[in-house]
Amino acid sequence: MTTRIKAEEFFKNEMGSMTFGTFLVGIRHSMGISQADLARKLKVSRSMICDIEKGRVLVSPALAMKIARIGKFPEDMAIKYCLEDQLRKAKIKMKVNVEAA
């Protein structure tokens, strides 16, 4: 089983419906760091991390990829959840499949 599949199963089992915010919470918890610690690593405010986790702020694909790299999680998962959040906000009922080029 690939790392991506294991990670997706873990997130779904532990956190329910996947959004980039729940993905971010999972990354933080797996790293054992606080919102403030992650904010320092990303050079953003702690409140921005909180807003992302709560779904109040959407992230760009570039930031999603940076977060996945810092947490050593699959980048394709981060991009997928980032884009699906944007589609959900636009009320477009579609799923995203992402693969490396």
N, C-alpha and C. Protein backbone atom coordinates (compact mmCIF):
# COMPACT_ATOMS: atom_id res chain seq x y z
N MET A 1 0.85 -1.18 0.00
CA MET A 1 0.00 0.00 0.00
C MET A 1 0.90 1.24 0.00
N THR A 2 0.56 2.23 -0.78
CA THR A 2 1.39 3.42 -0.87
C THR A 2 1.18 4.33 0.33
N THR A 3 2.14 5.22 0.53
CA THR A 3 2.04 6.19 1.62
C THR A 3 0.81 7.06 1.46
N ARG A 4 0.51 7.47 0.21
CA ARG A 4 -0.63 8.34 -0.04
C ARG A 4 -1.92 7.67 0.40
N ILE A 5 -2.10 6.40 0.06
CA ILE A 5 -3.32 5.68 0.43
C ILE A 5 -3.40 5.53 1.95
N LYS A 6 -2.30 5.21 2.59
CA LYS A 6 -2.30 5.08 4.05
C LYS A 6 -2.68 6.41 4.70
N ALA A 7 -2.11 7.49 4.20
CA ALA A 7 -2.40 8.81 4.76
C ALA A 7 -3.86 9.17 4.56
N GLU A 8 -4.41 8.93 3.37
CA GLU A 8 -5.82 9.25 3.11
C GLU A 8 -6.73 8.45 4.03
N GLU A 9 -6.44 7.16 4.20
CA GLU A 9 -7.26 6.32 5.08
C GLU A 9 -7.18 6.82 6.52
N PHE A 10 -5.98 7.19 6.97
CA PHE A 10 -5.81 7.70 8.32
C PHE A 10 -6.66 8.95 8.54
N PHE A 11 -6.53 9.92 7.63
CA PHE A 11 -7.27 11.17 7.77
C PHE A 11 -8.78 10.92 7.77
N LYS A 12 -9.24 10.09 6.86
CA LYS A 12 -10.67 9.84 6.77
C LYS A 12 -11.19 9.15 8.03
N ASN A 13 -10.46 8.17 8.52
CA ASN A 13 -10.87 7.45 9.73
C ASN A 13 -10.83 8.32 10.96
N GLU A 14 -9.81 9.16 11.06
CA GLU A 14 -9.62 9.97 12.26
C GLU A 14 -10.42 11.27 12.26
N MET A 15 -10.64 11.84 11.07
CA MET A 15 -11.17 13.20 11.03
C MET A 15 -12.45 13.35 10.22
N GLY A 16 -12.90 12.29 9.58
CA GLY A 16 -14.13 12.40 8.79
C GLY A 16 -13.91 13.04 7.44
N SER A 17 -14.87 13.83 7.00
CA SER A 17 -14.81 14.47 5.69
C SER A 17 -13.54 15.30 5.54
N MET A 18 -12.87 15.13 4.41
CA MET A 18 -11.59 15.79 4.22
C MET A 18 -11.71 17.17 3.59
N THR A 19 -11.05 18.08 4.23
CA THR A 19 -10.85 19.43 3.71
C THR A 19 -9.37 19.72 3.89
N PHE A 20 -8.91 20.81 3.31
CA PHE A 20 -7.51 21.14 3.54
C PHE A 20 -7.29 21.47 5.02
N GLY A 21 -8.28 22.04 5.66
CA GLY A 21 -8.15 22.35 7.08
C GLY A 21 -7.93 21.11 7.93
N THR A 22 -8.69 20.05 7.67
CA THR A 22 -8.50 18.82 8.44
C THR A 22 -7.16 18.17 8.09
N PHE A 23 -6.76 18.30 6.84
CA PHE A 23 -5.44 17.82 6.42
C PHE A 23 -4.35 18.54 7.22
N LEU A 24 -4.49 19.86 7.36
CA LEU A 24 -3.52 20.66 8.09
C LEU A 24 -3.48 20.27 9.57
N VAL A 25 -4.63 20.06 10.16
CA VAL A 25 -4.67 19.62 11.56
C VAL A 25 -3.92 18.30 11.71
N GLY A 26 -4.16 17.38 10.78
CA GLY A 26 -3.47 16.09 10.81
C GLY A 26 -1.96 16.23 10.69
N ILE A 27 -1.52 17.11 9.82
CA ILE A 27 -0.08 17.34 9.66
C ILE A 27 0.50 17.88 10.97
N ARG A 28 -0.16 18.88 11.52
CA ARG A 28 0.33 19.47 12.77
C ARG A 28 0.43 18.44 13.89
N HIS A 29 -0.63 17.65 14.02
CA HIS A 29 -0.65 16.65 15.10
C HIS A 29 0.42 15.58 14.88
N SER A 30 0.62 15.18 13.63
CA SER A 30 1.63 14.16 13.36
C SER A 30 3.03 14.70 13.64
N MET A 31 3.21 16.01 13.48
CA MET A 31 4.50 16.64 13.78
C MET A 31 4.64 16.98 15.26
N GLY A 32 3.52 16.96 15.98
CA GLY A 32 3.54 17.29 17.41
C GLY A 32 3.86 18.75 17.68
N ILE A 33 3.34 19.64 16.81
CA ILE A 33 3.62 21.07 16.98
C ILE A 33 2.33 21.87 17.10
N SER A 34 2.47 23.05 17.64
CA SER A 34 1.32 23.94 17.82
C SER A 34 1.07 24.75 16.54
N GLN A 35 -0.05 25.45 16.54
CA GLN A 35 -0.33 26.36 15.43
C GLN A 35 0.76 27.42 15.33
N ALA A 36 1.20 27.92 16.45
CA ALA A 36 2.24 28.96 16.46
C ALA A 36 3.55 28.43 15.88
N ASP A 37 3.91 27.19 16.24
CA ASP A 37 5.15 26.59 15.70
C ASP A 37 5.06 26.44 14.18
N LEU A 38 3.92 25.96 13.70
CA LEU A 38 3.76 25.78 12.25
C LEU A 38 3.76 27.15 11.56
N ALA A 39 3.11 28.12 12.17
CA ALA A 39 3.09 29.46 11.59
C ALA A 39 4.50 30.01 11.42
N ARG A 40 5.35 29.78 12.42
CA ARG A 40 6.74 30.25 12.31
C ARG A 40 7.47 29.55 11.16
N LYS A 41 7.26 28.25 11.01
CA LYS A 41 7.91 27.51 9.93
C LYS A 41 7.47 28.02 8.56
N LEU A 42 6.19 28.42 8.45
CA LEU A 42 5.63 28.88 7.17
C LEU A 42 5.77 30.39 6.97
N LYS A 43 6.20 31.07 8.03
CA LYS A 43 6.32 32.54 8.00
C LYS A 43 4.96 33.22 7.74
N VAL A 44 3.94 32.72 8.47
CA VAL A 44 2.60 33.31 8.44
C VAL A 44 2.16 33.50 9.90
N SER A 45 1.03 34.13 10.10
CA SER A 45 0.54 34.34 11.47
C SER A 45 -0.13 33.08 12.01
N ARG A 46 -0.17 32.97 13.33
CA ARG A 46 -0.86 31.85 13.96
C ARG A 46 -2.35 31.90 13.65
N SER A 47 -2.89 33.12 13.57
CA SER A 47 -4.31 33.25 13.27
C SER A 47 -4.63 32.75 11.86
N MET A 48 -3.67 32.89 10.94
CA MET A 48 -3.90 32.35 9.60
C MET A 48 -3.98 30.83 9.63
N ILE A 49 -3.12 30.19 10.41
CA ILE A 49 -3.18 28.72 10.55
C ILE A 49 -4.53 28.33 11.12
N CYS A 50 -4.97 29.03 12.15
CA CYS A 50 -6.28 28.76 12.75
C CYS A 50 -7.39 28.92 11.72
N ASP A 51 -7.35 30.01 10.95
CA ASP A 51 -8.38 30.26 9.94
C ASP A 51 -8.38 29.18 8.85
N ILE A 52 -7.20 28.70 8.45
CA ILE A 52 -7.13 27.63 7.46
C ILE A 52 -7.75 26.36 8.03
N GLU A 53 -7.38 26.02 9.26
CA GLU A 53 -7.90 24.80 9.89
C GLU A 53 -9.42 24.85 10.05
N LYS A 54 -9.97 26.02 10.31
CA LYS A 54 -11.42 26.17 10.48
C LYS A 54 -12.15 26.35 9.15
N GLY A 55 -11.41 26.45 8.05
CA GLY A 55 -12.04 26.60 6.74
C GLY A 55 -12.44 28.02 6.40
N ARG A 56 -11.97 28.98 7.17
CA ARG A 56 -12.31 30.38 6.91
C ARG A 56 -11.42 31.00 5.84
N VAL A 57 -10.26 30.40 5.62
CA VAL A 57 -9.31 30.88 4.61
C VAL A 57 -8.93 29.71 3.71
N LEU A 58 -8.97 29.94 2.40
CA LEU A 58 -8.52 28.93 1.44
C LEU A 58 -7.06 29.19 1.11
N VAL A 59 -6.31 28.13 0.89
CA VAL A 59 -4.89 28.29 0.55
C VAL A 59 -4.68 28.12 -0.94
N SER A 60 -3.59 28.66 -1.41
CA SER A 60 -3.20 28.47 -2.81
C SER A 60 -2.57 27.10 -2.96
N PRO A 61 -2.55 26.57 -4.18
CA PRO A 61 -1.84 25.30 -4.39
C PRO A 61 -0.37 25.38 -3.98
N ALA A 62 0.27 26.53 -4.19
CA ALA A 62 1.68 26.68 -3.82
C ALA A 62 1.87 26.55 -2.30
N LEU A 63 1.00 27.19 -1.52
CA LEU A 63 1.09 27.09 -0.07
C LEU A 63 0.74 25.67 0.39
N ALA A 64 -0.24 25.06 -0.24
CA ALA A 64 -0.62 23.68 0.10
C ALA A 64 0.58 22.75 -0.09
N MET A 65 1.29 22.93 -1.18
CA MET A 65 2.45 22.10 -1.47
C MET A 65 3.56 22.33 -0.44
N LYS A 66 3.78 23.58 -0.07
CA LYS A 66 4.80 23.92 0.93
C LYS A 66 4.47 23.27 2.28
N ILE A 67 3.21 23.32 2.65
CA ILE A 67 2.78 22.71 3.91
C ILE A 67 2.99 21.20 3.89
N ALA A 68 2.63 20.56 2.78
CA ALA A 68 2.82 19.11 2.66
C ALA A 68 4.30 18.76 2.77
N ARG A 69 5.16 19.53 2.13
CA ARG A 69 6.61 19.27 2.19
C ARG A 69 7.14 19.40 3.63
N ILE A 70 6.72 20.43 4.32
CA ILE A 70 7.18 20.64 5.70
C ILE A 70 6.75 19.47 6.58
N GLY A 71 5.51 18.99 6.37
CA GLY A 71 5.00 17.89 7.18
C GLY A 71 5.37 16.52 6.66
N LYS A 72 6.08 16.47 5.52
CA LYS A 72 6.47 15.20 4.88
C LYS A 72 5.25 14.35 4.54
N PHE A 73 4.22 15.02 4.02
CA PHE A 73 3.01 14.35 3.55
C PHE A 73 2.96 14.43 2.03
N PRO A 74 2.20 13.55 1.38
CA PRO A 74 2.12 13.57 -0.08
C PRO A 74 1.59 14.91 -0.61
N GLU A 75 2.35 15.49 -1.51
CA GLU A 75 1.97 16.78 -2.08
C GLU A 75 0.68 16.69 -2.89
N ASP A 76 0.45 15.56 -3.56
CA ASP A 76 -0.76 15.44 -4.36
C ASP A 76 -2.01 15.48 -3.50
N MET A 77 -1.94 14.94 -2.28
CA MET A 77 -3.08 15.03 -1.37
C MET A 77 -3.36 16.48 -0.99
N ALA A 78 -2.31 17.21 -0.68
CA ALA A 78 -2.48 18.62 -0.29
C ALA A 78 -3.12 19.42 -1.41
N ILE A 79 -2.63 19.24 -2.62
CA ILE A 79 -3.18 19.97 -3.77
C ILE A 79 -4.64 19.56 -4.01
N LYS A 80 -4.92 18.27 -3.90
CA LYS A 80 -6.29 17.78 -4.10
C LYS A 80 -7.26 18.45 -3.12
N TYR A 81 -6.93 18.45 -1.83
CA TYR A 81 -7.84 19.02 -0.84
C TYR A 81 -7.95 20.54 -1.00
N CYS A 82 -6.86 21.17 -1.36
CA CYS A 82 -6.86 22.62 -1.60
C CYS A 82 -7.82 22.96 -2.74
N LEU A 83 -7.71 22.25 -3.85
CA LEU A 83 -8.57 22.52 -5.01
C LEU A 83 -10.03 22.14 -4.73
N GLU A 84 -10.24 21.04 -4.02
CA GLU A 84 -11.62 20.64 -3.70
C GLU A 84 -12.28 21.67 -2.79
N ASP A 85 -11.53 22.27 -1.87
CA ASP A 85 -12.09 23.34 -1.03
C ASP A 85 -12.53 24.52 -1.90
N GLN A 86 -11.71 24.87 -2.87
CA GLN A 86 -12.05 25.99 -3.76
C GLN A 86 -13.30 25.67 -4.58
N LEU A 87 -13.42 24.44 -5.07
CA LEU A 87 -14.62 24.03 -5.81
C LEU A 87 -15.85 24.05 -4.91
N ARG A 88 -15.69 23.55 -3.68
CA ARG A 88 -16.81 23.51 -2.74
C ARG A 88 -17.30 24.93 -2.44
N LYS A 89 -16.37 25.86 -2.25
CA LYS A 89 -16.75 27.25 -1.98
C LYS A 89 -17.49 27.86 -3.16
N ALA A 90 -17.11 27.47 -4.38
CA ALA A 90 -17.77 27.97 -5.59
C ALA A 90 -19.06 27.21 -5.89
N LYS A 91 -19.42 26.27 -5.00
CA LYS A 91 -20.62 25.45 -5.15
C LYS A 91 -20.60 24.62 -6.45
N ILE A 92 -19.41 24.15 -6.79
CA ILE A 92 -19.22 23.28 -7.94
C ILE A 92 -19.02 21.87 -7.41
N LYS A 93 -19.94 20.98 -7.75
CA LYS A 93 -19.91 19.62 -7.21
C LYS A 93 -19.05 18.73 -8.10
N MET A 94 -17.75 18.79 -7.85
CA MET A 94 -16.79 17.97 -8.58
C MET A 94 -15.71 17.50 -7.62
N LYS A 95 -15.06 16.41 -7.98
CA LYS A 95 -13.92 15.89 -7.24
C LYS A 95 -12.68 16.13 -8.10
N VAL A 96 -11.53 16.12 -7.46
CA VAL A 96 -10.27 16.38 -8.15
C VAL A 96 -9.37 15.16 -8.01
N ASN A 97 -8.73 14.80 -9.10
CA ASN A 97 -7.68 13.78 -9.10
C ASN A 97 -6.40 14.48 -9.52
N VAL A 98 -5.36 14.31 -8.73
CA VAL A 98 -4.09 14.99 -9.00
C VAL A 98 -3.01 13.93 -9.14
N GLU A 99 -2.17 14.11 -10.15
CA GLU A 99 -1.01 13.24 -10.30
C GLU A 99 0.16 14.07 -10.80
N ALA A 100 1.35 13.65 -10.43
CA ALA A 100 2.55 14.36 -10.84
C ALA A 100 2.74 14.26 -12.35
N ALA A 101 3.23 15.33 -12.93
CA ALA A 101 3.48 15.33 -14.39
C ALA A 101 4.82 14.74 -14.70
